Protein backbone atom coordinates (compact mmCIF):
# COMPACT_ATOMS: atom_id res chain seq x y z
CA MET A 1 0.00 0.00 0.00
CA ARG A 2 2.85 2.35 0.88
CA ARG A 3 4.52 1.73 -2.52
CA PHE A 4 1.24 2.42 -4.29
CA LEU A 5 0.77 5.78 -2.48
CA THR A 6 4.37 6.81 -3.16
CA ALA A 7 4.03 5.94 -6.86
CA ALA A 8 0.70 7.78 -7.06
CA PHE A 9 2.22 10.86 -5.39
CA PHE A 10 5.11 11.07 -7.90
CA ALA A 11 2.76 10.44 -10.84
CA ILE A 12 0.52 13.31 -9.78
CA ALA A 13 3.52 15.60 -9.15
CA ALA A 14 4.93 14.84 -12.61
CA CYS A 15 1.60 15.69 -14.24
CA GLY A 16 1.52 19.08 -12.54
CA GLN A 17 4.78 20.27 -14.14
CA ALA A 18 3.70 21.43 -17.58
CA GLU A 19 5.77 23.57 -19.88
CA ASP A 20 4.91 27.25 -20.11
CA THR A 21 2.55 27.78 -23.00
CA PRO A 22 1.17 31.14 -24.11
CA GLU A 23 -1.85 30.47 -21.92
CA THR A 24 0.17 29.62 -18.78
CA ALA A 25 3.28 31.78 -19.24
CA ILE A 26 3.70 34.79 -16.97
CA PRO A 27 3.11 37.87 -19.14
CA GLU A 28 5.99 40.26 -19.68
CA GLU A 29 5.57 43.87 -18.65
CA ASN A 30 4.09 46.02 -21.39
CA PRO A 31 4.20 49.77 -20.60
CA ALA A 32 2.07 50.63 -23.64
CA GLN A 33 -0.64 48.26 -22.44
CA ASP A 34 -0.39 49.70 -18.90
CA ILE A 35 -1.04 53.20 -20.33
CA ALA A 36 -3.94 51.91 -22.40
CA ASP A 37 -5.40 50.17 -19.33
CA SER A 38 -5.09 53.33 -17.21
CA GLU A 39 -6.75 55.38 -19.96
CA ALA A 40 -9.55 52.85 -20.13
CA THR A 41 -10.26 53.47 -16.43
CA SER A 42 -9.82 57.26 -16.66
CA PRO A 43 -13.05 59.21 -16.87
CA VAL A 44 -14.04 61.51 -19.71
CA PHE A 45 -16.32 64.40 -18.79
CA MET A 46 -18.30 66.72 -21.05
CA CYS A 47 -19.01 69.97 -19.24
CA ARG A 48 -20.86 73.14 -20.20
CA GLY A 49 -21.67 76.52 -18.79
CA THR A 50 -22.98 79.99 -19.56
CA GLU A 51 -21.99 83.67 -19.44
CA PRO A 52 -20.24 83.37 -21.81
CA PHE A 53 -21.30 79.99 -23.19
CA TRP A 54 -18.53 77.39 -23.05
CA ASN A 55 -17.92 73.64 -23.40
CA LEU A 56 -15.12 71.72 -21.72
CA GLU A 57 -14.16 68.13 -22.51
CA LEU A 58 -11.80 66.57 -19.96
CA GLY A 59 -10.05 63.35 -21.02
CA PRO A 60 -7.12 61.18 -19.95
CA ARG A 61 -4.46 63.24 -21.79
CA GLU A 62 -6.06 66.48 -22.96
CA ALA A 63 -8.79 68.99 -22.27
CA VAL A 64 -10.56 71.00 -24.95
CA LEU A 65 -12.12 74.31 -23.91
CA THR A 66 -14.46 75.93 -26.46
CA GLN A 67 -15.72 79.42 -25.64
CA VAL A 68 -18.73 80.64 -27.59
CA GLY A 69 -19.82 84.23 -27.28
CA ALA A 70 -16.53 85.59 -25.94
CA ALA A 71 -15.47 86.48 -29.50
CA PRO A 72 -17.17 86.65 -32.92
CA GLU A 73 -16.01 83.07 -33.62
CA PRO A 74 -15.85 80.18 -31.13
CA GLN A 75 -12.41 80.07 -29.52
CA GLU A 76 -10.93 76.61 -28.86
CA THR A 77 -7.94 75.93 -26.63
CA VAL A 78 -6.42 72.47 -26.22
CA PHE A 79 -4.50 71.63 -23.07
CA ASP A 80 -2.10 68.72 -22.60
CA GLY A 81 -2.36 67.24 -19.14
CA GLU A 82 -3.79 64.49 -17.03
CA TRP A 83 -5.98 63.63 -14.11
CA ALA A 84 -4.03 64.74 -11.02
CA SER A 85 -6.36 62.91 -8.67
CA LEU A 86 -9.24 60.48 -9.06
CA ASP A 87 -11.30 59.98 -5.93
CA TRP A 88 -13.97 57.58 -7.15
CA GLN A 89 -15.48 57.12 -3.69
CA GLY A 90 -15.66 60.82 -2.90
CA ARG A 91 -16.54 61.54 -6.55
CA THR A 92 -13.98 64.34 -6.86
CA PHE A 93 -11.67 64.50 -9.85
CA GLN A 94 -8.92 67.06 -10.47
CA TRP A 95 -7.37 67.71 -13.90
CA ARG A 96 -4.14 69.75 -14.44
CA SER A 97 -2.01 70.87 -17.37
CA GLN A 98 -0.06 73.55 -19.19
CA GLY A 99 -1.83 75.06 -22.21
CA ARG A 100 -0.51 74.51 -25.72
CA GLY A 101 -3.15 76.06 -27.98
CA ASP A 102 -4.17 74.81 -31.40
CA GLU A 103 -0.79 75.32 -33.09
CA GLY A 104 1.11 73.54 -30.35
CA GLY A 105 3.18 76.67 -29.69
CA GLY A 106 2.49 76.57 -25.98
CA THR A 107 0.54 79.22 -24.14
CA GLY A 108 2.34 78.39 -20.90
CA VAL A 109 -0.87 79.08 -19.01
CA PRO A 110 -1.64 76.57 -16.26
CA PHE A 111 -5.10 75.05 -16.45
CA GLU A 112 -6.96 73.29 -13.66
CA ALA A 113 -10.45 71.88 -13.43
CA THR A 114 -12.15 70.19 -10.49
CA VAL A 115 -15.17 67.96 -11.09
CA ARG A 116 -17.32 67.13 -8.06
CA GLY A 117 -20.13 64.62 -7.76
CA GLU A 118 -22.74 67.25 -6.91
CA THR A 119 -25.99 67.62 -8.82
CA CYS A 120 -25.90 70.67 -11.06
CA GLN A 121 -28.93 72.41 -12.52
CA GLY A 122 -28.22 73.16 -16.18
CA PRO A 123 -29.40 76.16 -18.19
CA ARG A 124 -32.32 74.10 -19.49
CA PRO A 125 -34.69 72.24 -17.19
CA GLU A 126 -32.33 69.31 -16.81
CA SER A 127 -29.86 68.36 -14.15
CA TYR A 128 -26.39 66.86 -14.42
CA PRO A 129 -24.69 64.54 -11.92
CA TYR A 130 -21.45 66.58 -11.70
CA THR A 131 -20.34 70.18 -11.15
CA VAL A 132 -17.08 71.63 -12.52
CA ASP A 133 -14.99 74.64 -11.47
CA TYR A 134 -12.17 75.77 -13.75
CA GLY A 135 -9.86 78.59 -14.69
CA PRO A 136 -8.62 81.73 -12.99
CA GLU A 137 -12.04 83.35 -13.52
CA GLY A 138 -13.60 80.67 -11.31
CA ARG A 139 -16.13 79.52 -13.89
CA THR A 140 -18.66 76.93 -12.76
CA GLY A 141 -20.75 74.60 -14.88
CA CYS A 142 -22.40 71.21 -15.20
CA CYS A 143 -20.88 67.90 -16.34
CA GLU A 144 -21.76 64.39 -17.28
CA MET A 145 -19.39 61.44 -17.48
CA THR A 146 -19.27 60.12 -21.03
CA GLN A 147 -16.79 57.30 -20.42
């Protein structure tokens, strides 16, 4: 009986040592995939406000601010940056960057936006689940998470 158990033990142990196949191999680090994964979990917000009318899209790597009514033509500024903090539980998100403008020449103007999970009453009779504050003028508006 003892020989049988010993033989069975070694037979089972030998079966458990399989070669690494693509399905069982430990994956190598892939920084590009790590960035893609972090972007997939980063929120994208579409925000809007009035006086003057403006739209602000906040994404994983850039923010696009479009001001309508401040000039004869809508003025768009693109900022390179990132989410500085993501507090999913407290529903507070902070985005920071340096401005670069449409030509990529660099405005050098810091840009910050804070999105809070507070209900915001929009200009029309609709409400949004988030409020945003941005810019040195202290503009406030309403947001919704699009991703």
